[in-house]
Protein backbone atom coordinates (compact mmCIF):
# COMPACT_ATOMS: atom_id res chain seq x y z
CA UNK A 1 34.04 88.01 115.13
CA UNK A 2 34.65 85.63 112.23
CA UNK A 3 38.42 86.04 112.49
CA UNK A 4 38.42 85.31 116.22
CA UNK A 5 36.25 82.25 115.64
CA UNK A 6 38.93 81.11 113.20
CA UNK A 7 41.39 81.45 116.09
CA UNK A 8 39.12 79.18 118.15
CA UNK A 9 39.23 76.59 115.37
CA UNK A 10 43.02 76.85 115.15
CA UNK A 11 43.28 76.46 118.91
CA UNK A 12 41.18 73.32 118.89
CA UNK A 13 43.29 71.92 116.04
CA UNK A 14 46.40 72.54 118.12
CA UNK A 15 47.96 75.06 115.74
CA UNK A 16 48.80 77.45 118.57
CA UNK A 17 50.44 74.66 120.56
CA UNK A 18 53.09 74.23 117.85
CA UNK A 19 54.55 77.61 118.77
CA UNK A 20 53.51 78.15 122.40
CA UNK A 21 56.94 77.60 123.95
CA UNK A 22 58.54 79.70 121.22
CA UNK A 23 56.06 82.55 121.76
CA UNK A 24 57.06 82.72 125.43
CA UNK A 25 60.82 82.43 124.89
CA UNK A 26 62.65 85.71 125.54
CA UNK A 27 65.68 84.44 123.65
CA UNK A 28 63.67 85.09 120.50
CA UNK A 29 61.00 87.57 121.65
CA UNK A 30 63.30 90.37 122.78
CA UNK A 31 60.70 93.13 122.77
CA UNK A 32 57.09 92.39 123.76
CA UNK A 33 55.81 88.94 124.63
CA UNK A 34 52.46 88.98 122.86
CA UNK A 35 49.62 87.14 124.53
CA UNK A 36 49.32 83.64 123.09
CA UNK A 37 45.66 82.59 123.51
CA UNK A 38 45.21 79.54 125.76
CA UNK A 39 43.67 76.26 124.68
CA UNK A 40 40.85 75.22 127.00
CA UNK A 41 40.36 71.63 128.14
CA UNK A 42 37.18 71.18 126.12
CA UNK A 43 35.71 72.60 122.94
CA UNK A 44 32.59 73.67 124.83
CA UNK A 45 34.71 75.52 127.36
CA UNK A 46 36.60 77.21 124.53
CA UNK A 47 33.37 78.33 122.88
CA UNK A 48 31.98 79.64 126.16
CA UNK A 49 35.17 81.60 126.78
CA UNK A 50 35.12 82.96 123.23
CA UNK A 51 31.46 83.95 123.53
CA UNK A 52 32.15 85.86 126.74
CA UNK A 53 35.04 87.71 125.15
CA UNK A 54 32.96 88.62 122.11
CA UNK A 55 30.27 90.00 124.43
CA UNK A 56 32.87 92.18 126.16
CA UNK A 57 34.30 93.11 122.76
CA UNK A 58 31.29 95.39 122.17
CA UNK A 59 32.70 97.74 124.77
CA UNK A 60 30.80 101.02 124.84
CA UNK A 61 30.24 101.67 128.53
CA UNK A 62 33.69 102.79 129.62
CA UNK A 63 36.85 104.29 128.21
CA UNK A 64 39.59 102.45 130.08
CA UNK A 65 42.75 101.71 128.16
CA UNK A 66 42.38 98.66 125.90
CA UNK A 67 38.80 98.26 127.13
CA UNK A 68 37.07 95.48 125.21
CA UNK A 69 40.27 93.90 123.94
CA UNK A 70 40.11 90.18 123.29
CA UNK A 71 42.78 87.67 124.17
CA UNK A 72 41.98 85.71 121.02
CA UNK A 73 43.76 88.39 119.00
CA UNK A 74 45.28 91.25 120.96
CA UNK A 75 45.79 93.26 117.76
CA UNK A 76 42.04 93.88 117.56
CA UNK A 77 42.12 96.30 120.52
CA UNK A 78 41.51 99.19 118.12
CA UNK A 79 38.04 97.95 117.09
CA UNK A 80 36.36 98.71 120.46
CA UNK A 81 38.19 102.06 120.45
CA UNK A 82 36.88 102.90 116.99
CA UNK A 83 33.39 101.76 117.94
CA UNK A 84 33.25 104.03 121.00
CA UNK A 85 34.68 106.97 119.08
CA UNK A 86 32.23 106.42 116.22
CA UNK A 87 29.27 106.53 118.61
CA UNK A 88 30.56 109.79 120.07
CA UNK A 89 31.24 111.22 116.63
CA UNK A 90 27.70 110.44 115.45
CA UNK A 91 26.33 112.44 118.38
CA UNK A 92 28.62 115.38 117.63
CA UNK A 93 27.70 115.35 113.93
CA UNK A 94 23.99 115.39 114.81
CA UNK A 95 24.46 118.06 117.44
CA UNK A 96 26.36 120.45 115.18
CA UNK A 97 24.69 119.72 111.82
CA UNK A 98 22.38 122.75 111.85
CA UNK A 99 24.95 125.24 113.08
CA UNK A 100 26.37 127.83 110.73
CA UNK A 101 29.70 126.81 109.27
CA UNK A 102 31.85 129.18 111.29
CA UNK A 103 30.05 128.39 114.53
CA UNK A 104 30.31 124.66 113.86
CA UNK A 105 34.07 124.88 113.33
CA UNK A 106 34.39 126.98 116.46
CA UNK A 107 32.49 124.37 118.46
CA UNK A 108 34.49 121.53 116.95
CA UNK A 109 37.73 123.32 117.75
CA UNK A 110 36.62 123.67 121.36
CA UNK A 111 35.65 120.00 121.54
CA UNK A 112 39.01 118.98 120.08
CA UNK A 113 40.84 120.98 122.75
CA UNK A 114 38.61 119.46 125.43
CA UNK A 115 39.18 115.85 124.36
CA UNK A 116 42.90 116.51 123.90
CA UNK A 117 43.22 117.84 127.44
CA UNK A 118 41.13 114.88 128.57
CA UNK A 119 43.90 112.64 127.20
CA UNK A 120 41.68 111.11 124.53
CA UNK A 121 44.01 111.05 121.53
CA UNK A 122 41.68 108.70 119.65
CA UNK A 123 38.80 111.20 119.77
CA UNK A 124 41.14 113.93 118.55
CA UNK A 125 41.79 111.82 115.46
CA UNK A 126 38.10 111.14 114.82
CA UNK A 127 37.13 114.79 115.24
CA UNK A 128 40.02 115.91 113.06
CA UNK A 129 38.80 113.53 110.38
CA UNK A 130 35.36 115.13 110.58
CA UNK A 131 36.87 118.60 110.20
CA UNK A 132 39.09 117.59 107.28
CA UNK A 133 36.16 115.88 105.55
CA UNK A 134 34.02 119.01 105.78
CA UNK A 135 36.87 121.16 104.49
CA UNK A 136 37.13 118.82 101.49
CA UNK A 137 33.39 119.16 100.86
CA UNK A 138 33.59 122.94 101.09
CA UNK A 139 36.34 123.17 98.50
CA UNK A 140 34.68 120.61 96.21
CA UNK A 141 37.58 118.19 96.45
CA UNK A 142 35.52 115.21 95.30
CA UNK A 143 33.64 116.92 92.48
CA UNK A 144 35.01 116.56 88.93
CA UNK A 145 36.20 119.97 87.63
CA UNK A 146 33.60 120.02 84.84
CA UNK A 147 30.81 119.59 87.39
CA UNK A 148 32.17 121.87 90.11
CA UNK A 149 29.82 124.75 91.03
CA UNK A 150 31.06 128.30 91.26
CA UNK A 151 30.29 128.21 94.97
CA UNK A 152 30.50 125.29 97.36
CA UNK A 153 27.10 124.10 98.48
CA UNK A 154 26.97 123.03 102.11
CA UNK A 155 24.31 120.90 103.83
CA UNK A 156 20.94 122.57 104.40
CA UNK A 157 21.50 124.93 101.50
CA UNK A 158 24.05 127.06 103.32
CA UNK A 159 26.39 128.71 100.84
CA UNK A 160 30.04 129.02 101.72
CA UNK A 161 31.92 132.20 100.93
CA UNK A 162 35.02 130.12 100.39
CA UNK A 163 36.23 129.43 96.86
CA UNK A 164 38.42 126.53 95.81
CA UNK A 165 41.99 127.73 95.94
CA UNK A 166 45.13 126.44 94.27
CA UNK A 167 47.29 124.73 96.84
CA UNK A 168 51.02 124.75 97.00
CA UNK A 169 51.74 121.19 95.88
CA UNK A 170 55.39 121.41 96.83
CA UNK A 171 54.55 122.57 100.35
CA UNK A 172 51.99 119.78 100.74
CA UNK A 173 54.52 117.26 99.46
CA UNK A 174 57.20 118.39 101.92
CA UNK A 175 54.82 118.62 104.86
CA UNK A 176 53.61 115.10 104.10
CA UNK A 177 57.19 113.85 104.41
CA UNK A 178 57.47 115.64 107.75
CA UNK A 179 54.18 114.01 108.76
CA UNK A 180 55.54 110.56 107.89
CA UNK A 181 58.49 111.24 110.16
CA UNK A 182 56.19 112.26 113.01
CA UNK A 183 54.05 109.17 112.45
CA UNK A 184 57.17 107.01 112.84
CA UNK A 185 57.72 108.10 116.44
CA UNK A 186 59.12 105.07 118.33
CA UNK A 187 56.78 103.48 120.86
CA UNK A 188 59.54 102.73 123.34
CA UNK A 189 61.65 105.43 125.04
CA UNK A 190 61.41 107.80 122.11
CA UNK A 191 62.71 110.58 124.35
CA UNK A 192 66.08 108.80 124.37
CA UNK A 193 66.09 108.13 120.63
CA UNK A 194 68.30 110.25 118.34
CA UNK A 195 66.16 112.59 116.29
CA UNK A 196 63.40 112.59 118.89
CA UNK A 197 64.96 113.95 122.08
CA UNK A 198 64.03 117.56 121.30
CA UNK A 199 60.53 116.74 120.06
CA UNK A 200 59.91 114.77 123.25
CA UNK A 201 60.27 117.99 125.22
CA UNK A 202 57.15 119.42 123.55
CA UNK A 203 54.86 116.58 124.63
CA UNK A 204 52.64 117.70 127.55
CA UNK A 205 53.39 115.90 130.80
CA UNK A 206 49.70 115.06 131.28
CA UNK A 207 49.61 113.19 127.95
CA UNK A 208 49.67 109.57 129.12
CA UNK A 209 50.85 107.74 126.00
CA UNK A 210 53.68 110.14 125.26
CA UNK A 211 54.74 108.46 122.01
CA UNK A 212 51.25 108.82 120.55
CA UNK A 213 51.35 112.62 120.66
CA UNK A 214 53.52 113.10 117.59
CA UNK A 215 52.00 110.07 115.89
CA UNK A 216 48.62 111.78 116.32
CA UNK A 217 49.85 115.11 114.96
CA UNK A 218 51.61 113.41 112.06
CA UNK A 219 48.50 111.42 111.09
CA UNK A 220 46.32 114.51 110.94
CA UNK A 221 48.95 116.46 109.00
CA UNK A 222 49.52 113.63 106.52
CA UNK A 223 45.83 113.24 105.65
CA UNK A 224 45.48 117.01 105.25
CA UNK A 225 48.52 117.16 102.95
CA UNK A 226 47.58 114.17 100.80
CA UNK A 227 44.16 115.74 100.20
CA UNK A 228 45.95 118.72 98.64
CA UNK A 229 48.86 117.03 96.89
CA UNK A 230 48.30 115.62 93.37
CA UNK A 231 51.59 113.72 93.61
CA UNK A 232 50.65 111.87 96.79
CA UNK A 233 47.19 111.19 95.39
CA UNK A 234 48.73 109.65 92.28
CA UNK A 235 50.77 107.34 94.52
CA UNK A 236 47.72 106.17 96.45
CA UNK A 237 45.74 105.70 93.23
CA UNK A 238 48.20 103.21 91.74
CA UNK A 239 46.90 99.67 91.24
CA UNK A 240 49.19 98.09 93.84
CA UNK A 241 48.28 100.59 96.56
CA UNK A 242 44.59 100.30 95.72
CA UNK A 243 44.88 96.52 96.02
CA UNK A 244 46.48 96.77 99.44
CA UNK A 245 43.78 99.24 100.40
CA UNK A 246 41.14 96.66 99.54
CA UNK A 247 42.77 93.92 101.60
CA UNK A 248 44.07 96.20 104.38
CA UNK A 249 41.29 95.32 106.81
CA UNK A 250 41.81 91.64 106.08
CA UNK A 251 45.54 92.08 106.77
CA UNK A 252 44.63 93.69 110.07
CA UNK A 253 42.38 90.76 111.01
CA UNK A 254 44.54 87.82 109.94
CA UNK A 255 48.11 88.92 110.58
CA UNK A 256 47.91 88.01 114.28
CA UNK A 257 46.68 84.42 113.84
CA UNK A 258 49.08 83.86 110.92
CA UNK A 259 52.08 85.10 112.89
CA UNK A 260 51.21 83.19 116.06
CA UNK A 261 50.93 79.91 114.18
CA UNK A 262 52.87 79.54 110.93
CA UNK A 263 54.77 82.80 111.40
CA UNK A 264 56.41 81.82 114.67
CA UNK A 265 57.26 78.40 113.23
CA UNK A 266 59.01 80.10 110.32
CA UNK A 267 60.90 82.42 112.67
CA UNK A 268 61.99 79.46 114.77
CA UNK A 269 63.31 77.76 111.64
CA UNK A 270 65.10 80.91 110.44
CA UNK A 271 66.85 81.52 113.76
CA UNK A 272 67.71 77.85 113.92
CA UNK A 273 69.67 78.38 110.70
CA UNK A 274 71.22 81.79 111.41
CA UNK A 275 71.55 81.69 115.19
CA UNK A 276 70.60 84.51 117.54
CA UNK A 277 73.93 86.10 118.44
CA UNK A 278 74.56 89.67 117.30
CA UNK A 279 73.68 90.38 113.69
CA UNK A 280 72.69 86.75 113.17
CA UNK A 281 69.49 87.55 115.05
CA UNK A 282 68.67 90.38 112.63
CA UNK A 283 69.50 88.20 109.64
CA UNK A 284 67.15 85.47 110.82
CA UNK A 285 64.42 88.01 111.45
CA UNK A 286 64.76 89.45 107.93
CA UNK A 287 64.70 86.01 106.32
CA UNK A 288 61.57 85.04 108.27
CA UNK A 289 59.96 88.42 107.55
CA UNK A 290 60.19 87.92 103.79
CA UNK A 291 58.33 84.63 104.09
CA UNK A 292 55.84 85.83 106.69
CA UNK A 293 54.91 89.02 104.85
CA UNK A 294 54.05 87.01 101.76
CA UNK A 295 52.11 84.53 103.87
CA UNK A 296 50.09 87.29 105.56
CA UNK A 297 49.27 88.93 102.22
CA UNK A 298 48.13 85.60 100.78
CA UNK A 299 45.97 84.82 103.83
CA UNK A 300 44.51 88.33 103.77
CA UNK A 301 43.66 88.01 100.08
CA UNK A 302 41.83 84.74 100.73
CA UNK A 303 40.01 86.21 103.75
CA UNK A 304 39.02 89.28 101.74
CA UNK A 305 37.58 87.20 98.90
CA UNK A 306 35.89 84.56 101.04
CA UNK A 307 34.73 86.60 104.06
CA UNK A 308 35.21 90.36 103.82
CA UNK A 309 33.81 91.12 100.35
CA UNK A 310 30.75 88.82 100.73
CA UNK A 311 30.04 90.37 104.14
CA UNK A 312 30.05 93.85 102.62
CA UNK A 313 27.70 92.72 99.86
CA UNK A 314 25.40 91.15 102.44
CA UNK A 315 25.37 94.36 104.50
CA UNK A 316 24.44 96.35 101.39
CA UNK A 317 21.65 93.88 100.67
CA UNK A 318 20.33 94.31 104.21
CA UNK A 319 20.48 98.07 103.86
CA UNK A 320 18.52 98.03 100.62
CA UNK A 321 15.86 95.65 101.94
CA UNK A 322 15.47 96.57 105.60
CA UNK A 323 15.84 100.35 105.55
CA UNK A 324 13.18 102.75 104.36
CA UNK A 325 14.38 104.80 101.39
CA UNK A 326 13.36 108.42 100.84
């Protein structure tokens, strides 16, 4: 909400007008023409429009594609999706919490198959995350070795018969690379793309967003492999990756406004220097990308320090003061 209000401010200042004609020019935008939010005649009209979109942003009553998306930043379409899936996941967690472990996994497996056949790839990801998280708890993945019990203790005192097992690190490493390949499935005509033509044949015809099928499988496989691969864990525990993890949500929130204002202006300048014919187009894009990536990281860092981190601290304060503790 704060990031979209920033877009409102930028609109009123005219920042989006600097690049409006460029954003709609197919000479430069050869792939998708992203929605460039309109500037209303008055500030009051802009605020009313923004308020209406924020109301619709809390979109829990239907599951249509891109339901709840806001024109103030089209990249935020995943937030309503995650909100709906989270509500559903909470219900499933509550409904299966008191089941025996084997029965719970059996039920979850059935639900996963149901939502998959229902063409709800996003719910497959959320449910898979729940399953992977419980598997990690069962094998004591987050317990220091010195503190690990001889048996894994499950919720409600149920004791698992499973014991932590040594995993094949090499296999996890290799499968993670395969998963990265699957996650890189092209969004556009991947069935005609070299390296993907055969894999495209295995995507069910009823799966609407065909390109998301292998991206979905790859995401699940990658998380499962990283959880069992010390090498991959060491990569994600490096300082630079941890830093980007901290500002990742801020990057998600600010990259759209940055690109649609300063970013497009930089691209226009770069292509003005290199031209747009043949490889000159790619050269200009690369030059602009180096500048824009740095600009997005800087803006995300500022947003994280000024908005994101204080908001998290405030939420924790509310939790400690408004909620009844045991």
